[in-house]
Protein backbone atom coordinates (compact mmCIF):
# COMPACT_ATOMS: atom_id res chain seq x y z
CA MET A 1 -79.66 5.98 76.40
CA LYS A 2 -82.46 5.48 78.82
CA PHE A 3 -83.89 8.41 81.27
CA ILE A 4 -86.44 8.54 83.99
CA ILE A 5 -89.06 11.20 83.41
CA THR A 6 -91.82 12.41 85.70
CA LEU A 7 -95.28 12.95 84.15
CA PHE A 8 -98.16 14.79 85.65
CA LYS A 9 -101.24 16.79 84.82
CA ASP A 10 -101.27 20.43 85.74
CA GLU A 11 -104.23 22.71 87.06
CA ASP A 12 -105.11 23.64 83.25
CA GLY A 13 -105.29 19.86 82.30
CA ILE A 14 -101.93 19.82 80.36
CA TYR A 15 -99.51 16.90 80.84
CA ILE A 16 -95.99 18.16 82.03
CA ALA A 17 -93.06 15.84 81.50
CA GLU A 18 -89.61 16.53 83.13
CA CYS A 19 -86.18 14.59 83.05
CA PRO A 20 -84.77 15.11 86.47
CA SER A 21 -81.16 14.03 85.41
CA ILE A 22 -81.05 16.98 82.91
CA PRO A 23 -81.61 20.24 84.72
CA GLY A 24 -84.21 22.37 82.97
CA CYS A 25 -85.33 19.70 80.51
CA VAL A 26 -89.12 19.98 80.54
CA SER A 27 -91.87 19.54 77.93
CA GLN A 28 -95.70 19.36 77.73
CA GLY A 29 -98.44 17.77 75.86
CA LYS A 30 -102.26 17.60 75.62
CA THR A 31 -102.03 13.86 76.31
CA GLU A 32 -99.60 11.56 78.30
CA LYS A 33 -98.48 10.03 75.01
CA GLU A 34 -98.00 13.57 73.44
CA ALA A 35 -95.96 14.79 76.57
CA GLU A 36 -93.67 11.61 76.54
CA SER A 37 -93.00 12.15 72.97
CA ASN A 38 -92.26 15.74 73.32
CA ILE A 39 -89.95 14.97 76.32
CA GLN A 40 -88.05 12.44 74.20
CA ASN A 41 -87.34 15.38 71.56
CA ALA A 42 -86.55 17.67 74.37
CA ILE A 43 -83.91 15.22 75.84
CA LYS A 44 -82.30 14.93 72.54
CA GLU A 45 -81.93 18.52 72.24
CA CYS A 46 -80.88 19.34 75.72
CA LEU A 47 -78.03 16.75 75.33
CA GLU A 48 -77.01 18.20 72.22
CA VAL A 49 -76.74 21.77 73.70
CA ARG A 50 -75.04 20.58 76.93
CA ALA A 51 -72.48 18.76 74.72
CA GLU A 52 -71.81 21.68 72.46
CA LYS A 53 -71.26 23.97 75.64
CA GLY A 54 -68.82 21.23 77.24
CA MET A 55 -71.32 20.73 80.06
CA PRO A 56 -71.97 17.27 81.79
CA LEU A 57 -74.68 15.65 80.00
CA THR A 58 -76.60 14.63 83.11
CA ILE A 59 -76.49 15.14 86.90
CA SER A 60 -76.68 12.46 89.67
CA THR A 61 -80.01 11.78 90.94
CA ARG A 62 -80.96 9.67 94.08
CA GLN A 63 -83.62 8.20 95.88
CA VAL A 64 -84.03 9.02 99.66
CA GLU A 65 -86.61 7.65 102.13
CA VAL A 66 -88.48 10.10 104.09
CA LYS A 67 -90.59 8.89 106.86
CA VAL A 68 -94.01 10.52 106.91
């Protein structure tokens, strides 16, 4: 499966990675590469837990346009 992730550097210099289509699926790392690797592991674990609990594996995500 392929997932979109978000990746940003927080105020402490740690990279935070999130998977928007899996609620609560977040990880971090000292580098972008480490955060990306960690979120891949977190996604696997989140999917396993959601499957065990009979929850939908993902939720819908959409793009919307906002005029600024």
